Amino acid sequence: MPTDGETTESSTDGGDAPADGPTDEDVVEVASGAAEGVVLSRYSKSELDDYDVTVTFDDGVLEVDVYVHAPDARADEDQVAEDAALAAQSAVDDLF
């Protein structure tokens, strides 16, 4: 499991993509970057005890899991995690 703020990026189908579309690796990188960007825009590093962004893209299916642990922060952890996952999905939609 990743530690304090580490982002896990994975793609399980070898990175193949149609010639006119993004590679699976591109999809995973864009999604994880967007999700991490939301988390880091809502919290200072001192407020974050831990966060994790896990993205998989397999057979055209994107899965984004965001965990945020910032008990002393004002922003709601669950809402930030949900917003981060939605941002990841939106960023991938923009790729296609």
PDB file of N, CA and C in Angstrom:
ATOM      1  N   MET A   1       0.847  -1.182   0.000  1.00  0.00           N
ATOM      2  CA  MET A   1       0.000   0.000   0.000  1.00  0.00           C
ATOM      3  C   MET A   1       0.888   1.239   0.000  1.00  0.00           C
ATOM      4  N   PRO A   2       0.556   2.222  -0.789  1.00  0.00           N
ATOM      5  CA  PRO A   2       1.363   3.445  -0.829  1.00  0.00           C
ATOM      6  C   PRO A   2       1.363   4.149   0.519  1.00  0.00           C
ATOM      7  N   THR A   3       2.405   4.886   0.767  1.00  0.00           N
ATOM      8  CA  THR A   3       2.505   5.627   2.006  1.00  0.00           C
ATOM      9  C   THR A   3       2.292   7.103   1.755  1.00  0.00           C
ATOM     10  N   ASP A   4       2.047   7.832   2.809  1.00  0.00           N
ATOM     11  CA  ASP A   4       1.805   9.273   2.818  1.00  0.00           C
ATOM     12  C   ASP A   4       1.905   9.963   1.467  1.00  0.00           C
ATOM     13  N   GLY A   5       0.790  10.055   0.804  1.00  0.00           N
ATOM     14  CA  GLY A   5       0.723  10.838  -0.413  1.00  0.00           C
ATOM     15  C   GLY A   5       1.256  10.168  -1.652  1.00  0.00           C
ATOM     16  N   GLU A   6       1.565   8.907  -1.574  1.00  0.00           N
ATOM     17  CA  GLU A   6       2.062   8.221  -2.759  1.00  0.00           C
ATOM     18  C   GLU A   6       0.885   7.875  -3.659  1.00  0.00           C
ATOM     19  N   THR A   7       1.081   8.023  -4.934  1.00  0.00           N
ATOM     20  CA  THR A   7       0.041   7.714  -5.902  1.00  0.00           C
ATOM     21  C   THR A   7       0.373   6.401  -6.585  1.00  0.00           C
ATOM     22  N   THR A   8      -0.592   5.507  -6.613  1.00  0.00           N
ATOM     23  CA  THR A   8      -0.418   4.241  -7.291  1.00  0.00           C
ATOM     24  C   THR A   8      -1.058   4.335  -8.656  1.00  0.00           C
ATOM     25  N   GLU A   9      -0.293   4.028  -9.676  1.00  0.00           N
ATOM     26  CA  GLU A   9      -0.822   4.037 -11.030  1.00  0.00           C
ATOM     27  C   GLU A   9      -0.629   2.648 -11.599  1.00  0.00           C
ATOM     28  N   SER A  10      -1.703   2.081 -12.139  1.00  0.00           N
ATOM     29  CA  SER A  10      -1.547   0.778 -12.748  1.00  0.00           C
ATOM     30  C   SER A  10      -2.488   0.618 -13.917  1.00  0.00           C
ATOM     31  N   SER A  11      -2.056  -0.170 -14.850  1.00  0.00           N
ATOM     32  CA  SER A  11      -2.881  -0.532 -15.991  1.00  0.00           C
ATOM     33  C   SER A  11      -2.640  -2.005 -16.225  1.00  0.00           C
ATOM     34  N   THR A  12      -3.708  -2.774 -16.358  1.00  0.00           N
ATOM     35  CA  THR A  12      -3.528  -4.214 -16.386  1.00  0.00           C
ATOM     36  C   THR A  12      -3.636  -4.842 -17.756  1.00  0.00           C
ATOM     37  N   ASP A  13      -3.805  -4.054 -18.807  1.00  0.00           N
ATOM     38  CA  ASP A  13      -3.938  -4.697 -20.104  1.00  0.00           C
ATOM     39  C   ASP A  13      -2.813  -4.355 -21.076  1.00  0.00           C
ATOM     40  N   GLY A  14      -1.659  -3.984 -20.563  1.00  0.00           N
ATOM     41  CA  GLY A  14      -0.481  -3.854 -21.397  1.00  0.00           C
ATOM     42  C   GLY A  14      -0.298  -2.535 -22.103  1.00  0.00           C
ATOM     43  N   GLY A  15      -1.161  -1.566 -21.877  1.00  0.00           N
ATOM     44  CA  GLY A  15      -0.954  -0.251 -22.450  1.00  0.00           C
ATOM     45  C   GLY A  15      -1.355  -0.115 -23.898  1.00  0.00           C
ATOM     46  N   ASP A  16      -2.067  -1.072 -24.435  1.00  0.00           N
ATOM     47  CA  ASP A  16      -2.482  -0.987 -25.827  1.00  0.00           C
ATOM     48  C   ASP A  16      -3.644  -0.024 -25.973  1.00  0.00           C
ATOM     49  N   ALA A  17      -3.684   0.680 -27.082  1.00  0.00           N
ATOM     50  CA  ALA A  17      -4.778   1.606 -27.361  1.00  0.00           C
ATOM     51  C   ALA A  17      -4.924   1.720 -28.865  1.00  0.00           C
ATOM     52  N   PRO A  18      -6.106   2.114 -29.308  1.00  0.00           N
ATOM     53  CA  PRO A  18      -6.258   2.353 -30.738  1.00  0.00           C
ATOM     54  C   PRO A  18      -5.277   3.429 -31.193  1.00  0.00           C
ATOM     55  N   ALA A  19      -4.905   3.389 -32.463  1.00  0.00           N
ATOM     56  CA  ALA A  19      -3.919   4.326 -32.991  1.00  0.00           C
ATOM     57  C   ALA A  19      -4.342   5.774 -32.815  1.00  0.00           C
ATOM     58  N   ASP A  20      -5.634   6.035 -32.783  1.00  0.00           N
ATOM     59  CA  ASP A  20      -6.098   7.418 -32.680  1.00  0.00           C
ATOM     60  C   ASP A  20      -6.460   7.844 -31.260  1.00  0.00           C
ATOM     61  N   GLY A  21      -6.255   6.991 -30.277  1.00  0.00           N
ATOM     62  CA  GLY A  21      -6.621   7.332 -28.902  1.00  0.00           C
ATOM     63  C   GLY A  21      -5.430   7.275 -27.973  1.00  0.00           C
ATOM     64  N   PRO A  22      -5.638   7.696 -26.733  1.00  0.00           N
ATOM     65  CA  PRO A  22      -4.553   7.663 -25.745  1.00  0.00           C
ATOM     66  C   PRO A  22      -4.230   6.226 -25.340  1.00  0.00           C
ATOM     67  N   THR A  23      -3.006   6.025 -24.910  1.00  0.00           N
ATOM     68  CA  THR A  23      -2.623   4.710 -24.399  1.00  0.00           C
ATOM     69  C   THR A  23      -3.234   4.526 -23.020  1.00  0.00           C
ATOM     70  N   ASP A  24      -3.283   3.290 -22.574  1.00  0.00           N
ATOM     71  CA  ASP A  24      -3.791   3.014 -21.233  1.00  0.00           C
ATOM     72  C   ASP A  24      -2.947   3.729 -20.188  1.00  0.00           C
ATOM     73  N   GLU A  25      -1.645   3.764 -20.421  1.00  0.00           N
ATOM     74  CA  GLU A  25      -0.745   4.458 -19.495  1.00  0.00           C
ATOM     75  C   GLU A  25      -1.080   5.948 -19.428  1.00  0.00           C
ATOM     76  N   ASP A  26      -1.370   6.550 -20.578  1.00  0.00           N
ATOM     77  CA  ASP A  26      -1.769   7.966 -20.601  1.00  0.00           C
ATOM     78  C   ASP A  26      -3.030   8.188 -19.778  1.00  0.00           C
ATOM     79  N   VAL A  27      -3.991   7.291 -19.941  1.00  0.00           N
ATOM     80  CA  VAL A  27      -5.256   7.405 -19.213  1.00  0.00           C
ATOM     81  C   VAL A  27      -5.005   7.363 -17.713  1.00  0.00           C
ATOM     82  N   VAL A  28      -4.201   6.405 -17.277  1.00  0.00           N
ATOM     83  CA  VAL A  28      -3.912   6.253 -15.848  1.00  0.00           C
ATOM     84  C   VAL A  28      -3.168   7.473 -15.314  1.00  0.00           C
ATOM     85  N   GLU A  29      -2.192   7.961 -16.057  1.00  0.00           N
ATOM     86  CA  GLU A  29      -1.422   9.128 -15.609  1.00  0.00           C
ATOM     87  C   GLU A  29      -2.292  10.374 -15.507  1.00  0.00           C
ATOM     88  N   VAL A  30      -3.136  10.600 -16.502  1.00  0.00           N
ATOM     89  CA  VAL A  30      -4.004  11.782 -16.485  1.00  0.00           C
ATOM     90  C   VAL A  30      -5.002  11.692 -15.334  1.00  0.00           C
ATOM     91  N   ALA A  31      -5.594  10.530 -15.151  1.00  0.00           N
ATOM     92  CA  ALA A  31      -6.579  10.359 -14.081  1.00  0.00           C
ATOM     93  C   ALA A  31      -5.945  10.542 -12.705  1.00  0.00           C
ATOM     94  N   SER A  32      -4.799   9.916 -12.482  1.00  0.00           N
ATOM     95  CA  SER A  32      -4.165  10.030 -11.169  1.00  0.00           C
ATOM     96  C   SER A  32      -3.688  11.450 -10.904  1.00  0.00           C
ATOM     97  N   GLY A  33      -3.189  12.111 -11.930  1.00  0.00           N
ATOM     98  CA  GLY A  33      -2.752  13.498 -11.764  1.00  0.00           C
ATOM     99  C   GLY A  33      -3.902  14.426 -11.418  1.00  0.00           C
ATOM    100  N   ALA A  34      -5.038  14.227 -12.069  1.00  0.00           N
ATOM    101  CA  ALA A  34      -6.209  15.064 -11.789  1.00  0.00           C
ATOM    102  C   ALA A  34      -6.717  14.838 -10.369  1.00  0.00           C
ATOM    103  N   ALA A  35      -6.789  13.584  -9.958  1.00  0.00           N
ATOM    104  CA  ALA A  35      -7.272  13.277  -8.614  1.00  0.00           C
ATOM    105  C   ALA A  35      -6.327  13.829  -7.549  1.00  0.00           C
ATOM    106  N   GLU A  36      -5.048  13.615  -7.746  1.00  0.00           N
ATOM    107  CA  GLU A  36      -4.067  14.119  -6.783  1.00  0.00           C
ATOM    108  C   GLU A  36      -4.103  15.646  -6.727  1.00  0.00           C
ATOM    109  N   GLY A  37      -4.296  16.275  -7.867  1.00  0.00           N
ATOM    110  CA  GLY A  37      -4.386  17.731  -7.910  1.00  0.00           C
ATOM    111  C   GLY A  37      -5.527  18.275  -7.072  1.00  0.00           C
ATOM    112  N   VAL A  38      -6.666  17.589  -7.112  1.00  0.00           N
ATOM    113  CA  VAL A  38      -7.810  18.023  -6.300  1.00  0.00           C
ATOM    114  C   VAL A  38      -7.485  17.892  -4.817  1.00  0.00           C
ATOM    115  N   VAL A  39      -6.934  16.753  -4.430  1.00  0.00           N
ATOM    116  CA  VAL A  39      -6.601  16.546  -3.012  1.00  0.00           C
ATOM    117  C   VAL A  39      -5.631  17.620  -2.530  1.00  0.00           C
ATOM    118  N   LEU A  40      -4.578  17.860  -3.297  1.00  0.00           N
ATOM    119  CA  LEU A  40      -3.563  18.820  -2.869  1.00  0.00           C
ATOM    120  C   LEU A  40      -4.042  20.267  -2.962  1.00  0.00           C
ATOM    121  N   SER A  41      -5.086  20.514  -3.738  1.00  0.00           N
ATOM    122  CA  SER A  41      -5.631  21.873  -3.799  1.00  0.00           C
ATOM    123  C   SER A  41      -6.551  22.166  -2.617  1.00  0.00           C
ATOM    124  N   ARG A  42      -7.048  21.128  -1.983  1.00  0.00           N
ATOM    125  CA  ARG A  42      -7.984  21.313  -0.867  1.00  0.00           C
ATOM    126  C   ARG A  42      -7.304  21.292   0.498  1.00  0.00           C
ATOM    127  N   TYR A  43      -6.129  20.684   0.558  1.00  0.00           N
ATOM    128  CA  TYR A  43      -5.421  20.554   1.832  1.00  0.00           C
ATOM    129  C   TYR A  43      -3.976  21.016   1.680  1.00  0.00           C
ATOM    130  N   SER A  44      -3.458  21.588   2.752  1.00  0.00           N
ATOM    131  CA  SER A  44      -2.013  21.818   2.784  1.00  0.00           C
ATOM    132  C   SER A  44      -1.368  20.486   3.170  1.00  0.00           C
ATOM    133  N   LYS A  45      -0.119  20.326   2.852  1.00  0.00           N
ATOM    134  CA  LYS A  45       0.556  19.064   3.182  1.00  0.00           C
ATOM    135  C   LYS A  45       0.565  18.813   4.688  1.00  0.00           C
ATOM    136  N   SER A  46       0.589  19.877   5.474  1.00  0.00           N
ATOM    137  CA  SER A  46       0.597  19.697   6.925  1.00  0.00           C
ATOM    138  C   SER A  46      -0.750  19.192   7.445  1.00  0.00           C
ATOM    139  N   GLU A  47      -1.830  19.420   6.702  1.00  0.00           N
ATOM    140  CA  GLU A  47      -3.149  18.932   7.116  1.00  0.00           C
ATOM    141  C   GLU A  47      -3.365  17.468   6.762  1.00  0.00           C
ATOM    142  N   LEU A  48      -2.665  16.987   5.762  1.00  0.00           N
ATOM    143  CA  LEU A  48      -2.851  15.615   5.291  1.00  0.00           C
ATOM    144  C   LEU A  48      -2.020  14.641   6.112  1.00  0.00           C
ATOM    145  N   ASP A  49      -2.690  13.735   6.797  1.00  0.00           N
ATOM    146  CA  ASP A  49      -1.962  12.652   7.452  1.00  0.00           C
ATOM    147  C   ASP A  49      -1.587  11.595   6.421  1.00  0.00           C
ATOM    148  N   ASP A  50      -2.501  11.356   5.483  1.00  0.00           N
ATOM    149  CA  ASP A  50      -2.264  10.346   4.460  1.00  0.00           C
ATOM    150  C   ASP A  50      -3.283  10.527   3.341  1.00  0.00           C
ATOM    151  N   TYR A  51      -2.894  10.168   2.139  1.00  0.00           N
ATOM    152  CA  TYR A  51      -3.847  10.067   1.037  1.00  0.00           C
ATOM    153  C   TYR A  51      -3.311   9.065   0.037  1.00  0.00           C
ATOM    154  N   ASP A  52      -4.221   8.503  -0.710  1.00  0.00           N
ATOM    155  CA  ASP A  52      -3.845   7.502  -1.692  1.00  0.00           C
ATOM    156  C   ASP A  52      -4.775   7.621  -2.890  1.00  0.00           C
ATOM    157  N   VAL A  53      -4.209   7.602  -4.062  1.00  0.00           N
ATOM    158  CA  VAL A  53      -4.972   7.605  -5.305  1.00  0.00           C
ATOM    159  C   VAL A  53      -4.574   6.351  -6.071  1.00  0.00           C
ATOM    160  N   THR A  54      -5.535   5.496  -6.346  1.00  0.00           N
ATOM    161  CA  THR A  54      -5.285   4.284  -7.113  1.00  0.00           C
ATOM    162  C   THR A  54      -6.165   4.315  -8.353  1.00  0.00           C
ATOM    163  N   VAL A  55      -5.539   4.162  -9.499  1.00  0.00           N
ATOM    164  CA  VAL A  55      -6.256   4.218 -10.773  1.00  0.00           C
ATOM    165  C   VAL A  55      -5.926   2.974 -11.577  1.00  0.00           C
ATOM    166  N   THR A  56      -6.956   2.332 -12.107  1.00  0.00           N
ATOM    167  CA  THR A  56      -6.761   1.238 -13.052  1.00  0.00           C
ATOM    168  C   THR A  56      -7.607   1.510 -14.287  1.00  0.00           C
ATOM    169  N   PHE A  57      -7.114   1.060 -15.402  1.00  0.00           N
ATOM    170  CA  PHE A  57      -7.841   1.176 -16.664  1.00  0.00           C
ATOM    171  C   PHE A  57      -7.657  -0.150 -17.373  1.00  0.00           C
ATOM    172  N   ASP A  58      -8.711  -0.941 -17.406  1.00  0.00           N
ATOM    173  CA  ASP A  58      -8.635  -2.291 -17.946  1.00  0.00           C
ATOM    174  C   ASP A  58      -9.825  -2.534 -18.858  1.00  0.00           C
ATOM    175  N   ASP A  59      -9.558  -2.939 -20.080  1.00  0.00           N
ATOM    176  CA  ASP A  59     -10.615  -3.213 -21.062  1.00  0.00           C
ATOM    177  C   ASP A  59     -11.577  -2.043 -21.212  1.00  0.00           C
ATOM    178  N   GLY A  60     -11.031  -0.838 -21.199  1.00  0.00           N
ATOM    179  CA  GLY A  60     -11.845   0.356 -21.388  1.00  0.00           C
ATOM    180  C   GLY A  60     -12.612   0.810 -20.163  1.00  0.00           C
ATOM    181  N   VAL A  61     -12.379   0.165 -19.025  1.00  0.00           N
ATOM    182  CA  VAL A  61     -13.083   0.520 -17.789  1.00  0.00           C
ATOM    183  C   VAL A  61     -12.112   1.223 -16.847  1.00  0.00           C
ATOM    184  N   LEU A  62     -12.470   2.439 -16.469  1.00  0.00           N
ATOM    185  CA  LEU A  62     -11.661   3.230 -15.549  1.00  0.00           C
ATOM    186  C   LEU A  62     -12.172   3.037 -14.132  1.00  0.00           C
ATOM    187  N   GLU A  63     -11.262   2.723 -13.228  1.00  0.00           N
ATOM    188  CA  GLU A  63     -11.598   2.642 -11.811  1.00  0.00           C
ATOM    189  C   GLU A  63     -10.672   3.582 -11.061  1.00  0.00           C
ATOM    190  N   VAL A  64     -11.274   4.431 -10.241  1.00  0.00           N
ATOM    191  CA  VAL A  64     -10.518   5.404  -9.462  1.00  0.00           C
ATOM    192  C   VAL A  64     -10.915   5.248  -8.004  1.00  0.00           C
ATOM    193  N   ASP A  65      -9.932   5.052  -7.153  1.00  0.00           N
ATOM    194  CA  ASP A  65     -10.171   4.953  -5.720  1.00  0.00           C
ATOM    195  C   ASP A  65      -9.302   6.006  -5.042  1.00  0.00           C
ATOM    196  N   VAL A  66      -9.941   6.864  -4.263  1.00  0.00           N
ATOM    197  CA  VAL A  66      -9.215   7.930  -3.574  1.00  0.00           C
ATOM    198  C   VAL A  66      -9.495   7.813  -2.082  1.00  0.00           C
ATOM    199  N   TYR A  67      -8.433   7.787  -1.301  1.00  0.00           N
ATOM    200  CA  TYR A  67      -8.524   7.759   0.155  1.00  0.00           C
ATOM    201  C   TYR A  67      -7.842   9.013   0.681  1.00  0.00           C
ATOM    202  N   VAL A  68      -8.509   9.695   1.602  1.00  0.00           N
ATOM    203  CA  VAL A  68      -7.949  10.902   2.210  1.00  0.00           C
ATOM    204  C   VAL A  68      -8.107  10.795   3.722  1.00  0.00           C
ATOM    205  N   HIS A  69      -7.015  11.055   4.436  1.00  0.00           N
ATOM    206  CA  HIS A  69      -7.069  11.102   5.897  1.00  0.00           C
ATOM    207  C   HIS A  69      -6.460  12.429   6.340  1.00  0.00           C
ATOM    208  N   ALA A  70      -7.346  13.328   6.729  1.00  0.00           N
ATOM    209  CA  ALA A  70      -6.935  14.663   7.190  1.00  0.00           C
ATOM    210  C   ALA A  70      -7.878  15.077   8.314  1.00  0.00           C
ATOM    211  N   PRO A  71      -7.753  14.434   9.467  1.00  0.00           N
ATOM    212  CA  PRO A  71      -8.735  14.623  10.540  1.00  0.00           C
ATOM    213  C   PRO A  71      -8.813  16.037  11.113  1.00  0.00           C
ATOM    214  N   ASP A  72      -7.755  16.806  11.006  1.00  0.00           N
ATOM    215  CA  ASP A  72      -7.759  18.145  11.592  1.00  0.00           C
ATOM    216  C   ASP A  72      -8.083  19.238  10.588  1.00  0.00           C
ATOM    217  N   ALA A  73      -8.390  18.867   9.370  1.00  0.00           N
ATOM    218  CA  ALA A  73      -8.663  19.854   8.318  1.00  0.00           C
ATOM    219  C   ALA A  73     -10.144  20.219   8.291  1.00  0.00           C
ATOM    220  N   ARG A  74     -10.425  21.365   7.701  1.00  0.00           N
ATOM    221  CA  ARG A  74     -11.807  21.817   7.570  1.00  0.00           C
ATOM    222  C   ARG A  74     -12.565  21.078   6.473  1.00  0.00           C
ATOM    223  N   ALA A  75     -11.898  20.794   5.383  1.00  0.00           N
ATOM    224  CA  ALA A  75     -12.563  20.145   4.249  1.00  0.00           C
ATOM    225  C   ALA A  75     -12.938  18.703   4.606  1.00  0.00           C
ATOM    226  N   ASP A  76     -14.136  18.301   4.201  1.00  0.00           N
ATOM    227  CA  ASP A  76     -14.642  16.958   4.458  1.00  0.00           C
ATOM    228  C   ASP A  76     -13.863  15.934   3.623  1.00  0.00           C
ATOM    229  N   GLU A  77     -13.278  14.966   4.289  1.00  0.00           N
ATOM    230  CA  GLU A  77     -12.436  13.970   3.615  1.00  0.00           C
ATOM    231  C   GLU A  77     -13.198  13.188   2.544  1.00  0.00           C
ATOM    232  N   ASP A  78     -14.395  12.740   2.873  1.00  0.00           N
ATOM    233  CA  ASP A  78     -15.174  11.955   1.916  1.00  0.00           C
ATOM    234  C   ASP A  78     -15.549  12.776   0.690  1.00  0.00           C
ATOM    235  N   GLN A  79     -15.909  14.024   0.904  1.00  0.00           N
ATOM    236  CA  GLN A  79     -16.285  14.882  -0.219  1.00  0.00           C
ATOM    237  C   GLN A  79     -15.082  15.169  -1.109  1.00  0.00           C
ATOM    238  N   VAL A  80     -13.941  15.405  -0.502  1.00  0.00           N
ATOM    239  CA  VAL A  80     -12.727  15.657  -1.290  1.00  0.00           C
ATOM    240  C   VAL A  80     -12.358  14.410  -2.090  1.00  0.00           C
ATOM    241  N   ALA A  81     -12.458  13.242  -1.471  1.00  0.00           N
ATOM    242  CA  ALA A  81     -12.156  11.996  -2.184  1.00  0.00           C
ATOM    243  C   ALA A  81     -13.112  11.805  -3.361  1.00  0.00           C
ATOM    244  N   GLU A  82     -14.386  12.084  -3.147  1.00  0.00           N
ATOM    245  CA  GLU A  82     -15.369  11.963  -4.228  1.00  0.00           C
ATOM    246  C   GLU A  82     -15.086  12.972  -5.343  1.00  0.00           C
ATOM    247  N   ASP A  83     -14.802  14.208  -4.955  1.00  0.00           N
ATOM    248  CA  ASP A  83     -14.478  15.244  -5.951  1.00  0.00           C
ATOM    249  C   ASP A  83     -13.232  14.871  -6.755  1.00  0.00           C
ATOM    250  N   ALA A  84     -12.250  14.295  -6.080  1.00  0.00           N
ATOM    251  CA  ALA A  84     -11.014  13.894  -6.757  1.00  0.00           C
ATOM    252  C   ALA A  84     -11.290  12.781  -7.769  1.00  0.00           C
ATOM    253  N   ALA A  85     -12.114  11.816  -7.387  1.00  0.00           N
ATOM    254  CA  ALA A  85     -12.456  10.732  -8.310  1.00  0.00           C
ATOM    255  C   ALA A  85     -13.225  11.267  -9.514  1.00  0.00           C
ATOM    256  N   LEU A  86     -14.141  12.186  -9.278  1.00  0.00           N
ATOM    257  CA  LEU A  86     -14.897  12.788 -10.388  1.00  0.00           C
ATOM    258  C   LEU A  86     -13.985  13.591 -11.314  1.00  0.00           C
ATOM    259  N   ALA A  87     -13.018  14.289 -10.734  1.00  0.00           N
ATOM    260  CA  ALA A  87     -12.065  15.049 -11.550  1.00  0.00           C
ATOM    261  C   ALA A  87     -11.236  14.107 -12.417  1.00  0.00           C
ATOM    262  N   ALA A  88     -10.866  12.966 -11.862  1.00  0.00           N
ATOM    263  CA  ALA A  88     -10.106  11.979 -12.627  1.00  0.00           C
ATOM    264  C   ALA A  88     -10.922  11.473 -13.811  1.00  0.00           C
ATOM    265  N   GLN A  89     -12.181  11.160 -13.562  1.00  0.00           N
ATOM    266  CA  GLN A  89     -13.053  10.678 -14.638  1.00  0.00           C
ATOM    267  C   GLN A  89     -13.245  11.745 -15.710  1.00  0.00           C
ATOM    268  N   SER A  90     -13.426  12.968 -15.288  1.00  0.00           N
ATOM    269  CA  SER A  90     -13.611  14.067 -16.234  1.00  0.00           C
ATOM    270  C   SER A  90     -12.360  14.282 -17.085  1.00  0.00           C
ATOM    271  N   ALA A  91     -11.207  14.204 -16.457  1.00  0.00           N
ATOM    272  CA  ALA A  91      -9.949  14.384 -17.192  1.00  0.00           C
ATOM    273  C   ALA A  91      -9.778  13.295 -18.247  1.00  0.00           C
ATOM    274  N   VAL A  92     -10.173  12.084 -17.915  1.00  0.00           N
ATOM    275  CA  VAL A  92     -10.080  10.987 -18.879  1.00  0.00           C
ATOM    276  C   VAL A  92     -11.096  11.181 -20.003  1.00  0.00           C
ATOM    277  N   ASP A  93     -12.293  11.621 -19.664  1.00  0.00           N
ATOM    278  CA  ASP A  93     -13.293  11.915 -20.701  1.00  0.00           C
ATOM    279  C   ASP A  93     -12.746  12.919 -21.706  1.00  0.00           C
ATOM    280  N   ASP A  94     -12.011  13.901 -21.203  1.00  0.00           N
ATOM    281  CA  ASP A  94     -11.433  14.925 -22.080  1.00  0.00           C
ATOM    282  C   ASP A  94     -10.380  14.350 -23.033  1.00  0.00           C
ATOM    283  N   LEU A  95      -9.742  13.241 -22.628  1.00  0.00           N
ATOM    284  CA  LEU A  95      -8.752  12.601 -23.502  1.00  0.00           C
ATOM    285  C   LEU A  95      -9.397  11.991 -24.744  1.00  0.00           C
ATOM    286  N   PHE A  96     -10.624  11.538 -24.582  1.00  0.00           N
ATOM    287  CA  PHE A  96     -11.316  10.866 -25.677  1.00  0.00           C
ATOM    288  C   PHE A  96     -12.191  11.855 -26.371  1.00  0.00           C
TER     289      PHE A  96
END
